[in-house]
Amino acid sequence: MQGLWPPRLHRAAVVNQGMTRPDSSPDIDKLARDLRAGSRAALARAITLIESRRGDHQAAARDLVQALLPDTGKAVRVGITGSPGVGKSTTIDALGMFLIERGHKVAVLAVDPSSARTGGSILGDKTRMARLSASDNAFIRPSPASGTLGGVAAKTREAMLLCEAAGFDVVLVETVGIGQSETAVCDMTDFFLALMLPGAGDELQGIKKGLVELADMIAVNKADGDNIKRANLAAAEYRGALHILTPRSEHWHPPVLTYSALTGTGMDTLWQKILDHRTAMSASGEFAGRRREQQVKWMWSMLEQRMMARLRADATIRAKVKKTEAEVADGRITPAVAAEQIAEMLR
């Protein structure tokens, strides 16, 4: 079944320093030391380790993240979403270079829900972020999910901590799709940025209420050349729409601005708004509260992942689950009864 036993994902080396195979018995102490020293090769190996499905690798990954926990939590975590064609990768490339020129180290993690049908995923972020991928102060890593968004969200959280321990002080998390991935990224970042396009018909039709309620800022891209007027008009319509929605926080009302990823115009304002949000959230105590909530959600996500791993690993349970699946498919039992039977198996 696709949900419980997704096909194995075949991945290409698309990350800075490459996606290396994790060591059979990694030296966690040495890996942690190298990672703290800022080794990009060590960071790539560490992320590959946490993505491994082998039981010994998963145990080693837990030890590694626990050891590095005191070195994490200081980075600015920004989630970025938008419909296909809005220019997410171009925006991240421009914003990343803007930050690097000002002394920051930038990590980019892409939440890629993958193909639910084939298990493959499009891991082309490095080619779409040409300038950023060539910088020694940037690290780009996609996180393929093989059809399970909960799994990729958990791995992306761990990858984010590893990047912070390696000295990256800005972590940009890109949603490759739309929908459930938006909520997952919002739940692991401090600031959630929604990118929009001008002149795509009725701008208000492009607003998904759920997305806008999550967003800490809306930014209209491609405000350059003949598009400037349309971008300003779109921004005005988004501002009007936001007035009738309840903001995510009483201490922050999401601004709407225009920018151009192509020319870099507006990048300084965009970044300043992110810093202003952090200042406002910290002053109210909401920043620390969100971080605590994220940790708890991470715990539950990991627990669900472990339970699913048990279903896959135990041959006896796996056989019983397949039998239960067949009974559901044939209409002999309801999905609710089947779910209860599987839950009993786990006890």
C-alpha atoms as a PDB file:
ATOM      1  CA  MET A   1       0.000   0.000   0.000  1.00  0.00           C
ATOM      2  CA  GLN A   2       1.343   3.428  -0.906  1.00  0.00           C
ATOM      3  CA  GLY A   3       0.601   4.991   2.472  1.00  0.00           C
ATOM      4  CA  LEU A   4       2.307   2.347   4.619  1.00  0.00           C
ATOM      5  CA  TRP A   5       4.951   1.024   2.274  1.00  0.00           C
ATOM      6  CA  PRO A   6       5.916   3.762  -0.191  1.00  0.00           C
ATOM      7  CA  PRO A   7       8.290   2.802  -2.996  1.00  0.00           C
ATOM      8  CA  ARG A   8      11.979   3.385  -2.363  1.00  0.00           C
ATOM      9  CA  LEU A   9      13.102   6.824  -3.457  1.00  0.00           C
ATOM     10  CA  HIS A  10      16.052   7.046  -5.805  1.00  0.00           C
ATOM     11  CA  ARG A  11      17.769  10.393  -5.334  1.00  0.00           C
ATOM     12  CA  ALA A  12      20.442  12.202  -7.237  1.00  0.00           C
ATOM     13  CA  ALA A  13      23.292  14.134  -5.679  1.00  0.00           C
ATOM     14  CA  VAL A  14      21.808  17.607  -5.695  1.00  0.00           C
ATOM     15  CA  VAL A  15      23.087  19.076  -2.448  1.00  0.00           C
ATOM     16  CA  ASN A  16      26.174  21.127  -1.766  1.00  0.00           C
ATOM     17  CA  GLN A  17      28.857  18.541  -0.950  1.00  0.00           C
ATOM     18  CA  GLY A  18      26.535  15.834  -2.321  1.00  0.00           C
ATOM     19  CA  MET A  19      24.188  13.342  -0.731  1.00  0.00           C
ATOM     20  CA  THR A  20      26.647  10.856   0.668  1.00  0.00           C
ATOM     21  CA  ARG A  21      25.743   7.423   1.954  1.00  0.00           C
ATOM     22  CA  PRO A  22      25.820   7.424   5.780  1.00  0.00           C
ATOM     23  CA  ASP A  23      28.638   5.497   7.393  1.00  0.00           C
ATOM     24  CA  SER A  24      27.788   1.967   8.529  1.00  0.00           C
ATOM     25  CA  SER A  25      28.689   2.943  12.112  1.00  0.00           C
ATOM     26  CA  PRO A  26      29.163   6.723  12.230  1.00  0.00           C
ATOM     27  CA  ASP A  27      31.405   8.311  14.849  1.00  0.00           C
ATOM     28  CA  ILE A  28      28.829  10.644  16.389  1.00  0.00           C
ATOM     29  CA  ASP A  29      31.341  12.590  18.503  1.00  0.00           C
ATOM     30  CA  LYS A  30      33.560  13.336  15.512  1.00  0.00           C
ATOM     31  CA  LEU A  31      30.592  14.174  13.300  1.00  0.00           C
ATOM     32  CA  ALA A  32      29.293  16.588  15.928  1.00  0.00           C
ATOM     33  CA  ARG A  33      32.726  18.249  16.272  1.00  0.00           C
ATOM     34  CA  ASP A  34      33.124  18.639  12.507  1.00  0.00           C
ATOM     35  CA  LEU A  35      29.607  19.996  12.193  1.00  0.00           C
ATOM     36  CA  ARG A  36      30.116  22.560  14.967  1.00  0.00           C
ATOM     37  CA  ALA A  37      33.292  23.633  13.154  1.00  0.00           C
ATOM     38  CA  GLY A  38      31.142  24.513  10.148  1.00  0.00           C
ATOM     39  CA  SER A  39      32.066  21.615   7.851  1.00  0.00           C
ATOM     40  CA  ARG A  40      29.553  21.501   5.022  1.00  0.00           C
ATOM     41  CA  ALA A  41      30.591  17.923   4.215  1.00  0.00           C
ATOM     42  CA  ALA A  42      29.832  16.918   7.812  1.00  0.00           C
ATOM     43  CA  LEU A  43      26.469  18.695   7.620  1.00  0.00           C
ATOM     44  CA  ALA A  44      25.578  16.816   4.428  1.00  0.00           C
ATOM     45  CA  ARG A  45      26.564  13.494   6.044  1.00  0.00           C
ATOM     46  CA  ALA A  46      24.570  14.303   9.171  1.00  0.00           C
ATOM     47  CA  ILE A  47      21.399  15.121   7.218  1.00  0.00           C
ATOM     48  CA  THR A  48      21.804  11.936   5.179  1.00  0.00           C
ATOM     49  CA  LEU A  49      22.089  10.071   8.475  1.00  0.00           C
ATOM     50  CA  ILE A  50      18.806  11.454   9.824  1.00  0.00           C
ATOM     51  CA  GLU A  51      17.065  10.621   6.540  1.00  0.00           C
ATOM     52  CA  SER A  52      18.217   6.994   6.655  1.00  0.00           C
ATOM     53  CA  ARG A  53      15.584   4.373   7.460  1.00  0.00           C
ATOM     54  CA  ARG A  54      18.040   1.938   9.017  1.00  0.00           C
ATOM     55  CA  GLY A  55      17.376   1.348  12.702  1.00  0.00           C
ATOM     56  CA  ASP A  56      21.012   1.832  13.752  1.00  0.00           C
ATOM     57  CA  HIS A  57      21.250   5.051  11.713  1.00  0.00           C
ATOM     58  CA  GLN A  58      18.057   6.385  13.261  1.00  0.00           C
ATOM     59  CA  ALA A  59      19.402   5.670  16.763  1.00  0.00           C
ATOM     60  CA  ALA A  60      22.681   7.402  15.888  1.00  0.00           C
ATOM     61  CA  ALA A  61      20.763  10.354  14.430  1.00  0.00           C
ATOM     62  CA  ARG A  62      18.795  10.776  17.654  1.00  0.00           C
ATOM     63  CA  ASP A  63      22.039  10.807  19.648  1.00  0.00           C
ATOM     64  CA  LEU A  64      23.576  13.339  17.261  1.00  0.00           C
ATOM     65  CA  VAL A  65      20.650  15.775  17.394  1.00  0.00           C
ATOM     66  CA  GLN A  66      20.477  15.468  21.181  1.00  0.00           C
ATOM     67  CA  ALA A  67      24.210  16.198  21.479  1.00  0.00           C
ATOM     68  CA  LEU A  68      23.890  19.273  19.252  1.00  0.00           C
ATOM     69  CA  LEU A  69      20.732  20.631  20.889  1.00  0.00           C
ATOM     70  CA  PRO A  70      22.594  23.254  23.005  1.00  0.00           C
ATOM     71  CA  ASP A  71      24.048  24.697  19.773  1.00  0.00           C
ATOM     72  CA  THR A  72      20.633  25.267  18.161  1.00  0.00           C
ATOM     73  CA  GLY A  73      17.748  27.711  18.385  1.00  0.00           C
ATOM     74  CA  LYS A  74      19.519  30.961  17.545  1.00  0.00           C
ATOM     75  CA  ALA A  75      18.764  31.155  13.817  1.00  0.00           C
ATOM     76  CA  VAL A  76      15.990  33.109  12.121  1.00  0.00           C
ATOM     77  CA  ARG A  77      13.619  30.471  10.703  1.00  0.00           C
ATOM     78  CA  VAL A  78      11.555  31.637   7.740  1.00  0.00           C
ATOM     79  CA  GLY A  79       8.976  29.552   5.876  1.00  0.00           C
ATOM     80  CA  ILE A  80       8.239  30.561   2.285  1.00  0.00           C
ATOM     81  CA  THR A  81       5.241  29.430   0.236  1.00  0.00           C
ATOM     82  CA  GLY A  82       3.451  30.377  -2.949  1.00  0.00           C
ATOM     83  CA  SER A  83       1.774  28.844  -5.947  1.00  0.00           C
ATOM     84  CA  PRO A  84       3.886  27.332  -8.758  1.00  0.00           C
ATOM     85  CA  GLY A  85       5.405  30.036 -10.944  1.00  0.00           C
ATOM     86  CA  VAL A  86       5.354  32.725  -8.265  1.00  0.00           C
ATOM     87  CA  GLY A  87       9.149  32.712  -8.105  1.00  0.00           C
ATOM     88  CA  LYS A  88       9.920  31.024  -4.783  1.00  0.00           C
ATOM     89  CA  SER A  89      13.328  29.743  -5.804  1.00  0.00           C
ATOM     90  CA  THR A  90      14.292  33.029  -7.492  1.00  0.00           C
ATOM     91  CA  THR A  91      13.162  34.899  -4.384  1.00  0.00           C
ATOM     92  CA  ILE A  92      15.189  32.636  -2.097  1.00  0.00           C
ATOM     93  CA  ASP A  93      18.219  33.037  -4.369  1.00  0.00           C
ATOM     94  CA  ALA A  94      17.922  36.845  -4.257  1.00  0.00           C
ATOM     95  CA  LEU A  95      17.129  37.025  -0.529  1.00  0.00           C
ATOM     96  CA  GLY A  96      19.892  34.557   0.305  1.00  0.00           C
ATOM     97  CA  MET A  97      22.509  36.553  -1.591  1.00  0.00           C
ATOM     98  CA  PHE A  98      21.235  39.786   0.002  1.00  0.00           C
ATOM     99  CA  LEU A  99      21.784  38.235   3.442  1.00  0.00           C
ATOM    100  CA  ILE A 100      25.159  36.707   2.621  1.00  0.00           C
ATOM    101  CA  GLU A 101      26.414  40.082   1.421  1.00  0.00           C
ATOM    102  CA  ARG A 102      25.538  41.373   4.887  1.00  0.00           C
ATOM    103  CA  GLY A 103      27.496  38.698   6.710  1.00  0.00           C
ATOM    104  CA  HIS A 104      24.856  36.006   7.263  1.00  0.00           C
ATOM    105  CA  LYS A 105      25.136  32.270   6.588  1.00  0.00           C
ATOM    106  CA  VAL A 106      22.024  30.910   4.884  1.00  0.00           C
ATOM    107  CA  ALA A 107      20.641  27.373   4.808  1.00  0.00           C
ATOM    108  CA  VAL A 108      17.786  26.467   2.460  1.00  0.00           C
ATOM    109  CA  LEU A 109      15.605  23.430   3.164  1.00  0.00           C
ATOM    110  CA  ALA A 110      12.863  22.446   0.741  1.00  0.00           C
ATOM    111  CA  VAL A 111       9.854  20.481   1.968  1.00  0.00           C
ATOM    112  CA  ASP A 112       9.140  18.257  -1.036  1.00  0.00           C
ATOM    113  CA  PRO A 113       6.015  16.081  -0.671  1.00  0.00           C
ATOM    114  CA  SER A 114       7.225  13.998  -3.655  1.00  0.00           C
ATOM    115  CA  SER A 115       5.049  12.083  -6.059  1.00  0.00           C
ATOM    116  CA  ALA A 116       2.443  10.034  -4.220  1.00  0.00           C
ATOM    117  CA  ARG A 117       2.155   7.793  -7.273  1.00  0.00           C
ATOM    118  CA  THR A 118       5.799   7.052  -8.102  1.00  0.00           C
ATOM    119  CA  GLY A 119       7.707   8.121  -5.010  1.00  0.00           C
ATOM    120  CA  GLY A 120       9.962  10.322  -7.105  1.00  0.00           C
ATOM    121  CA  SER A 121      10.503  13.988  -6.408  1.00  0.00           C
ATOM    122  CA  ILE A 122      11.798  16.990  -8.265  1.00  0.00           C
ATOM    123  CA  LEU A 123      15.002  17.982  -6.502  1.00  0.00           C
ATOM    124  CA  GLY A 124      16.075  20.823  -8.748  1.00  0.00           C
ATOM    125  CA  ASP A 125      16.519  23.543  -6.148  1.00  0.00           C
ATOM    126  CA  LYS A 126      20.249  23.794  -6.698  1.00  0.00           C
ATOM    127  CA  THR A 127      19.850  24.567 -10.391  1.00  0.00           C
ATOM    128  CA  ARG A 128      17.127  27.156  -9.690  1.00  0.00           C
ATOM    129  CA  MET A 129      19.280  28.964  -7.114  1.00  0.00           C
ATOM    130  CA  ALA A 130      22.417  29.355  -9.174  1.00  0.00           C
ATOM    131  CA  ARG A 131      24.109  32.163  -7.226  1.00  0.00           C
ATOM    132  CA  LEU A 132      23.225  30.807  -3.800  1.00  0.00           C
ATOM    133  CA  SER A 133      24.351  27.266  -4.571  1.00  0.00           C
ATOM    134  CA  ALA A 134      27.773  28.573  -5.581  1.00  0.00           C
ATOM    135  CA  SER A 135      28.316  30.445  -2.309  1.00  0.00           C
ATOM    136  CA  ASP A 136      30.445  29.006   0.501  1.00  0.00           C
ATOM    137  CA  ASN A 137      28.104  30.677   2.989  1.00  0.00           C
ATOM    138  CA  ALA A 138      24.993  28.870   1.747  1.00  0.00           C
ATOM    139  CA  PHE A 139      23.741  25.305   2.016  1.00  0.00           C
ATOM    140  CA  ILE A 140      20.806  23.950  -0.013  1.00  0.00           C
ATOM    141  CA  ARG A 141      19.066  20.700   0.816  1.00  0.00           C
ATOM    142  CA  PRO A 142      15.731  19.247  -0.357  1.00  0.00           C
ATOM    143  CA  SER A 143      13.940  16.765   1.892  1.00  0.00           C
ATOM    144  CA  PRO A 144      12.029  14.220  -0.196  1.00  0.00           C
ATOM    145  CA  ALA A 145       9.132  12.577   1.602  1.00  0.00           C
ATOM    146  CA  SER A 146       8.217   9.570  -0.549  1.00  0.00           C
ATOM    147  CA  GLY A 147       4.579  10.522  -0.225  1.00  0.00           C
ATOM    148  CA  THR A 148       4.500  11.056   3.545  1.00  0.00           C
ATOM    149  CA  LEU A 149       4.447  14.729   4.499  1.00  0.00           C
ATOM    150  CA  GLY A 150       4.616  13.997   8.231  1.00  0.00           C
ATOM    151  CA  GLY A 151       7.892  12.166   7.723  1.00  0.00           C
ATOM    152  CA  VAL A 152       9.474  14.953   5.720  1.00  0.00           C
ATOM    153  CA  ALA A 153       8.341  17.561   8.231  1.00  0.00           C
ATOM    154  CA  ALA A 154      10.086  15.663  11.026  1.00  0.00           C
ATOM    155  CA  LYS A 155      13.287  15.256   9.011  1.00  0.00           C
ATOM    156  CA  THR A 156      13.246  18.903   7.968  1.00  0.00           C
ATOM    157  CA  ARG A 157      12.990  19.966  11.622  1.00  0.00           C
ATOM    158  CA  GLU A 158      16.040  17.864  12.452  1.00  0.00           C
ATOM    159  CA  ALA A 159      17.901  19.167   9.408  1.00  0.00           C
ATOM    160  CA  MET A 160      17.104  22.712  10.545  1.00  0.00           C
ATOM    161  CA  LEU A 161      18.698  22.048  13.944  1.00  0.00           C
ATOM    162  CA  LEU A 162      21.780  20.567  12.292  1.00  0.00           C
ATOM    163  CA  CYS A 163      22.128  23.647  10.077  1.00  0.00           C
ATOM    164  CA  GLU A 164      21.886  25.910  13.124  1.00  0.00           C
ATOM    165  CA  ALA A 165      24.540  23.886  14.947  1.00  0.00           C
ATOM    166  CA  ALA A 166      26.785  24.251  11.879  1.00  0.00           C
ATOM    167  CA  GLY A 167      26.611  28.048  12.195  1.00  0.00           C
ATOM    168  CA  PHE A 168      23.883  28.983   9.726  1.00  0.00           C
ATOM    169  CA  ASP A 169      22.035  31.898  11.305  1.00  0.00           C
ATOM    170  CA  VAL A 170      19.210  32.102   8.745  1.00  0.00           C
ATOM    171  CA  VAL A 171      17.222  29.023   7.711  1.00  0.00           C
ATOM    172  CA  LEU A 172      14.787  29.378   4.804  1.00  0.00           C
ATOM    173  CA  VAL A 173      12.262  26.552   4.453  1.00  0.00           C
ATOM    174  CA  GLU A 174      10.524  26.395   1.078  1.00  0.00           C
ATOM    175  CA  THR A 175       7.276  24.543   0.448  1.00  0.00           C
ATOM    176  CA  VAL A 176       7.465  22.889  -2.955  1.00  0.00           C
ATOM    177  CA  GLY A 177       3.726  22.239  -3.021  1.00  0.00           C
ATOM    178  CA  ILE A 178       0.664  23.932  -1.611  1.00  0.00           C
ATOM    179  CA  GLY A 179      -1.913  22.710   0.877  1.00  0.00           C
ATOM    180  CA  GLN A 180      -0.872  20.533   3.804  1.00  0.00           C
ATOM    181  CA  SER A 181       2.815  21.370   3.331  1.00  0.00           C
ATOM    182  CA  GLU A 182       2.028  25.004   4.179  1.00  0.00           C
ATOM    183  CA  THR A 183       0.780  24.058   7.643  1.00  0.00           C
ATOM    184  CA  ALA A 184       3.774  21.785   8.197  1.00  0.00           C
ATOM    185  CA  VAL A 185       6.253  24.540   7.340  1.00  0.00           C
ATOM    186  CA  CYS A 186       4.334  27.130   9.377  1.00  0.00           C
ATOM    187  CA  ASP A 187       4.583  24.823  12.387  1.00  0.00           C
ATOM    188  CA  MET A 188       8.386  24.660  12.196  1.00  0.00           C
ATOM    189  CA  THR A 189       9.316  28.279  11.425  1.00  0.00           C
ATOM    190  CA  ASP A 190       9.180  31.649  13.201  1.00  0.00           C
ATOM    191  CA  PHE A 191       7.957  33.683  10.234  1.00  0.00           C
ATOM    192  CA  PHE A 192       5.714  32.474   7.410  1.00  0.00           C
ATOM    193  CA  LEU A 193       5.957  34.389   4.141  1.00  0.00           C
ATOM    194  CA  ALA A 194       3.345  33.993   1.381  1.00  0.00           C
ATOM    195  CA  LEU A 195       4.420  35.038  -2.119  1.00  0.00           C
ATOM    196  CA  MET A 196       1.832  36.236  -4.624  1.00  0.00           C
ATOM    197  CA  LEU A 197       1.778  37.252  -8.290  1.00  0.00           C
ATOM    198  CA  PRO A 198       0.330  40.459  -9.791  1.00  0.00           C
ATOM    199  CA  GLY A 199      -1.979  40.563 -12.774  1.00  0.00           C
ATOM    200  CA  ALA A 200      -3.127  36.941 -12.547  1.00  0.00           C
ATOM    201  CA  GLY A 201      -6.807  37.824 -12.876  1.00  0.00           C
ATOM    202  CA  ASP A 202      -8.853  38.562  -9.785  1.00  0.00           C
ATOM    203  CA  GLU A 203      -6.234  38.751  -7.048  1.00  0.00           C
ATOM    204  CA  LEU A 204      -8.778  37.939  -4.354  1.00  0.00           C
ATOM    205  CA  GLN A 205      -9.465  34.610  -6.048  1.00  0.00           C
ATOM    206  CA  GLY A 206      -5.831  33.765  -5.376  1.00  0.00           C
ATOM    207  CA  ILE A 207      -6.247  34.177  -1.630  1.00  0.00           C
ATOM    208  CA  LYS A 208      -6.828  30.968   0.259  1.00  0.00           C
ATOM    209  CA  LYS A 209      -8.270  31.942   3.609  1.00  0.00           C
ATOM    210  CA  GLY A 210      -6.313  29.234   5.419  1.00  0.00           C
ATOM    211  CA  LEU A 211      -3.032  30.338   3.847  1.00  0.00           C
ATOM    212  CA  VAL A 212      -3.548  34.026   4.572  1.00  0.00           C
ATOM    213  CA  GLU A 213      -4.455  33.289   8.178  1.00  0.00           C
ATOM    214  CA  LEU A 214      -1.122  31.497   8.528  1.00  0.00           C
ATOM    215  CA  ALA A 215       0.930  34.171   6.763  1.00  0.00           C
ATOM    216  CA  ASP A 216       2.951  36.695   8.731  1.00  0.00           C
ATOM    217  CA  MET A 217       3.456  38.729   5.554  1.00  0.00           C
ATOM    218  CA  ILE A 218       2.271  38.758   1.953  1.00  0.00           C
ATOM    219  CA  ALA A 219       4.802  39.793  -0.685  1.00  0.00           C
ATOM    220  CA  VAL A 220       3.831  40.439  -4.307  1.00  0.00           C
ATOM    221  CA  ASN A 221       6.660  39.422  -6.633  1.00  0.00           C
ATOM    222  CA  LYS A 222       7.607  40.672 -10.101  1.00  0.00           C
ATOM    223  CA  ALA A 223       7.096  44.360  -9.259  1.00  0.00           C
ATOM    224  CA  ASP A 224       9.380  45.474 -12.082  1.00  0.00           C
ATOM    225  CA  GLY A 225       9.031  47.060 -15.520  1.00  0.00           C
ATOM    226  CA  ASP A 226       5.456  47.175 -16.799  1.00  0.00           C
ATOM    227  CA  ASN A 227       4.319  45.047 -13.844  1.00  0.00           C
ATOM    228  CA  ILE A 228       4.836  47.695 -11.157  1.00  0.00           C
ATOM    229  CA  LYS A 229       1.351  49.192 -11.456  1.00  0.00           C
ATOM    230  CA  ARG A 230      -0.323  45.770 -11.408  1.00  0.00           C
ATOM    231  CA  ALA A 231       1.804  44.703  -8.440  1.00  0.00           C
ATOM    232  CA  ASN A 232       0.791  47.784  -6.454  1.00  0.00           C
ATOM    233  CA  LEU A 233      -2.879  47.176  -7.321  1.00  0.00           C
ATOM    234  CA  ALA A 234      -2.630  43.551  -6.229  1.00  0.00           C
ATOM    235  CA  ALA A 235      -0.962  44.587  -2.957  1.00  0.00           C
ATOM    236  CA  ALA A 236      -3.772  47.060  -2.256  1.00  0.00           C
ATOM    237  CA  GLU A 237      -6.391  44.345  -2.800  1.00  0.00           C
ATOM    238  CA  TYR A 238      -4.542  41.958  -0.485  1.00  0.00           C
ATOM    239  CA  ARG A 239      -4.372  44.664   2.205  1.00  0.00           C
ATOM    240  CA  GLY A 240      -8.111  45.140   1.920  1.00  0.00           C
ATOM    241  CA  ALA A 241      -8.713  41.403   2.227  1.00  0.00           C
ATOM    242  CA  LEU A 242      -6.511  41.130   5.326  1.00  0.00           C
ATOM    243  CA  HIS A 243      -8.639  43.699   7.152  1.00  0.00           C
ATOM    244  CA  ILE A 244     -11.585  41.295   7.248  1.00  0.00           C
ATOM    245  CA  LEU A 245      -9.533  38.354   8.551  1.00  0.00           C
ATOM    246  CA  THR A 246      -8.385  37.737  12.099  1.00  0.00           C
ATOM    247  CA  PRO A 247      -4.575  38.056  12.298  1.00  0.00           C
ATOM    248  CA  ARG A 248      -2.556  35.109  13.556  1.00  0.00           C
ATOM    249  CA  SER A 249      -1.244  37.201  16.446  1.00  0.00           C
ATOM    250  CA  GLU A 250      -2.665  40.196  18.258  1.00  0.00           C
ATOM    251  CA  HIS A 251       0.878  41.593  18.377  1.00  0.00           C
ATOM    252  CA  TRP A 252       1.454  41.524  14.625  1.00  0.00           C
ATOM    253  CA  HIS A 253      -0.700  42.595  11.704  1.00  0.00           C
ATOM    254  CA  PRO A 254       0.642  41.028   8.479  1.00  0.00           C
ATOM    255  CA  PRO A 255       1.999  43.679   6.115  1.00  0.00           C
ATOM    256  CA  VAL A 256       1.723  43.501   2.337  1.00  0.00           C
ATOM    257  CA  LEU A 257       4.614  44.677   0.204  1.00  0.00           C
ATOM    258  CA  THR A 258       5.870  44.461  -3.363  1.00  0.00           C
ATOM    259  CA  TYR A 259       9.317  43.410  -4.528  1.00  0.00           C
ATOM    260  CA  SER A 260      11.213  42.036  -7.502  1.00  0.00           C
ATOM    261  CA  ALA A 261      13.241  38.850  -7.161  1.00  0.00           C
ATOM    262  CA  LEU A 262      14.669  39.552 -10.619  1.00  0.00           C
ATOM    263  CA  THR A 263      16.155  42.974  -9.808  1.00  0.00           C
ATOM    264  CA  GLY A 264      16.456  42.601  -6.028  1.00  0.00           C
ATOM    265  CA  THR A 265      14.275  45.663  -5.421  1.00  0.00           C
ATOM    266  CA  GLY A 266      12.502  45.489  -2.068  1.00  0.00           C
ATOM    267  CA  MET A 267      14.705  42.779  -0.532  1.00  0.00           C
ATOM    268  CA  ASP A 268      15.892  45.152   2.200  1.00  0.00           C
ATOM    269  CA  THR A 269      12.309  45.994   3.185  1.00  0.00           C
ATOM    270  CA  LEU A 270      11.289  42.339   3.099  1.00  0.00           C
ATOM    271  CA  TRP A 271      14.098  41.333   5.453  1.00  0.00           C
ATOM    272  CA  GLN A 272      13.479  44.289   7.773  1.00  0.00           C
ATOM    273  CA  LYS A 273       9.841  43.202   8.176  1.00  0.00           C
ATOM    274  CA  ILE A 274      11.034  39.739   9.202  1.00  0.00           C
ATOM    275  CA  LEU A 275      13.299  41.310  11.835  1.00  0.00           C
ATOM    276  CA  ASP A 276      10.495  43.626  12.994  1.00  0.00           C
ATOM    277  CA  HIS A 277       8.245  40.600  13.467  1.00  0.00           C
ATOM    278  CA  ARG A 278      10.888  38.832  15.563  1.00  0.00           C
ATOM    279  CA  THR A 279      11.281  41.942  17.737  1.00  0.00           C
ATOM    280  CA  ALA A 280       7.520  42.250  18.272  1.00  0.00           C
ATOM    281  CA  MET A 281       7.055  38.545  19.017  1.00  0.00           C
ATOM    282  CA  SER A 282      10.010  38.491  21.426  1.00  0.00           C
ATOM    283  CA  ALA A 283       8.779  41.553  23.313  1.00  0.00           C
ATOM    284  CA  SER A 284       5.335  39.997  23.826  1.00  0.00           C
ATOM    285  CA  GLY A 285       6.715  36.593  24.837  1.00  0.00           C
ATOM    286  CA  GLU A 286       4.924  34.959  21.904  1.00  0.00           C
ATOM    287  CA  PHE A 287       8.182  34.041  20.162  1.00  0.00           C
ATOM    288  CA  ALA A 288       9.251  31.730  22.986  1.00  0.00           C
ATOM    289  CA  GLY A 289       5.713  30.350  23.213  1.00  0.00           C
ATOM    290  CA  ARG A 290       5.668  29.425  19.533  1.00  0.00           C
ATOM    291  CA  ARG A 291       9.028  27.707  19.812  1.00  0.00           C
ATOM    292  CA  ARG A 292       7.735  25.619  22.743  1.00  0.00           C
ATOM    293  CA  GLU A 293       4.605  24.647  20.815  1.00  0.00           C
ATOM    294  CA  GLN A 294       6.725  23.652  17.835  1.00  0.00           C
ATOM    295  CA  GLN A 295       8.783  21.310  20.000  1.00  0.00           C
ATOM    296  CA  VAL A 296       5.650  19.560  21.262  1.00  0.00           C
ATOM    297  CA  LYS A 297       4.235  19.212  17.741  1.00  0.00           C
ATOM    298  CA  TRP A 298       7.573  17.779  16.664  1.00  0.00           C
ATOM    299  CA  MET A 299       7.332  15.181  19.435  1.00  0.00           C
ATOM    300  CA  TRP A 300       3.899  14.035  18.249  1.00  0.00           C
ATOM    301  CA  SER A 301       5.067  13.954  14.647  1.00  0.00           C
ATOM    302  CA  MET A 302       7.997  11.752  15.612  1.00  0.00           C
ATOM    303  CA  LEU A 303       5.723   9.481  17.652  1.00  0.00           C
ATOM    304  CA  GLU A 304       3.409   8.976  14.677  1.00  0.00           C
ATOM    305  CA  GLN A 305       6.430   8.208  12.520  1.00  0.00           C
ATOM    306  CA  ARG A 306       7.704   5.623  15.010  1.00  0.00           C
ATOM    307  CA  MET A 307       4.308   3.913  15.129  1.00  0.00           C
ATOM    308  CA  MET A 308       4.203   3.715  11.341  1.00  0.00           C
ATOM    309  CA  ALA A 309       7.726   2.309  11.381  1.00  0.00           C
ATOM    310  CA  ARG A 310       6.520  -0.495  13.658  1.00  0.00           C
ATOM    311  CA  LEU A 311       3.780  -1.336  11.186  1.00  0.00           C
ATOM    312  CA  ARG A 312       6.366  -1.623   8.440  1.00  0.00           C
ATOM    313  CA  ALA A 313       8.982  -3.501  10.432  1.00  0.00           C
ATOM    314  CA  ASP A 314       6.964  -6.263  12.121  1.00  0.00           C
ATOM    315  CA  ALA A 315       6.285  -9.034   9.573  1.00  0.00           C
ATOM    316  CA  THR A 316       3.380 -10.462  11.557  1.00  0.00           C
ATOM    317  CA  ILE A 317       1.657  -7.110  11.936  1.00  0.00           C
ATOM    318  CA  ARG A 318       2.362  -6.289   8.293  1.00  0.00           C
ATOM    319  CA  ALA A 319       0.587  -9.467   7.157  1.00  0.00           C
ATOM    320  CA  LYS A 320      -2.411  -8.729   9.369  1.00  0.00           C
ATOM    321  CA  VAL A 321      -2.594  -5.144   8.094  1.00  0.00           C
ATOM    322  CA  LYS A 322      -2.642  -6.347   4.492  1.00  0.00           C
ATOM    323  CA  LYS A 323      -5.526  -8.684   5.362  1.00  0.00           C
ATOM    324  CA  THR A 324      -7.358  -5.794   7.036  1.00  0.00           C
ATOM    325  CA  GLU A 325      -6.751  -3.587   3.989  1.00  0.00           C
ATOM    326  CA  ALA A 326      -8.307  -6.221   1.751  1.00  0.00           C
ATOM    327  CA  GLU A 327     -11.371  -6.414   3.979  1.00  0.00           C
ATOM    328  CA  VAL A 328     -11.787  -2.630   3.818  1.00  0.00           C
ATOM    329  CA  ALA A 329     -11.337  -2.612   0.037  1.00  0.00           C
ATOM    330  CA  ASP A 330     -13.964  -5.358  -0.360  1.00  0.00           C
ATOM    331  CA  GLY A 331     -16.407  -3.490   1.860  1.00  0.00           C
ATOM    332  CA  ARG A 332     -16.507  -6.194   4.550  1.00  0.00           C
ATOM    333  CA  ILE A 333     -15.499  -3.835   7.366  1.00  0.00           C
ATOM    334  CA  THR A 334     -15.522  -0.070   7.740  1.00  0.00           C
ATOM    335  CA  PRO A 335     -12.300   1.983   7.816  1.00  0.00           C
ATOM    336  CA  ALA A 336     -13.103   2.963  11.415  1.00  0.00           C
ATOM    337  CA  VAL A 337     -13.254  -0.686  12.530  1.00  0.00           C
ATOM    338  CA  ALA A 338     -10.075  -1.441  10.580  1.00  0.00           C
ATOM    339  CA  ALA A 339      -8.228   1.459  12.221  1.00  0.00           C
ATOM    340  CA  GLU A 340      -9.238   0.174  15.655  1.00  0.00           C
ATOM    341  CA  GLN A 341      -7.998  -3.335  14.779  1.00  0.00           C
ATOM    342  CA  ILE A 342      -4.620  -1.965  13.656  1.00  0.00           C
ATOM    343  CA  ALA A 343      -4.347   0.138  16.803  1.00  0.00           C
ATOM    344  CA  GLU A 344      -4.936  -3.024  18.846  1.00  0.00           C
ATOM    345  CA  MET A 345      -2.083  -4.730  16.962  1.00  0.00           C
ATOM    346  CA  LEU A 346       0.297  -1.991  18.085  1.00  0.00           C
ATOM    347  CA  ARG A 347      -0.583  -2.643  21.711  1.00  0.00           C
END
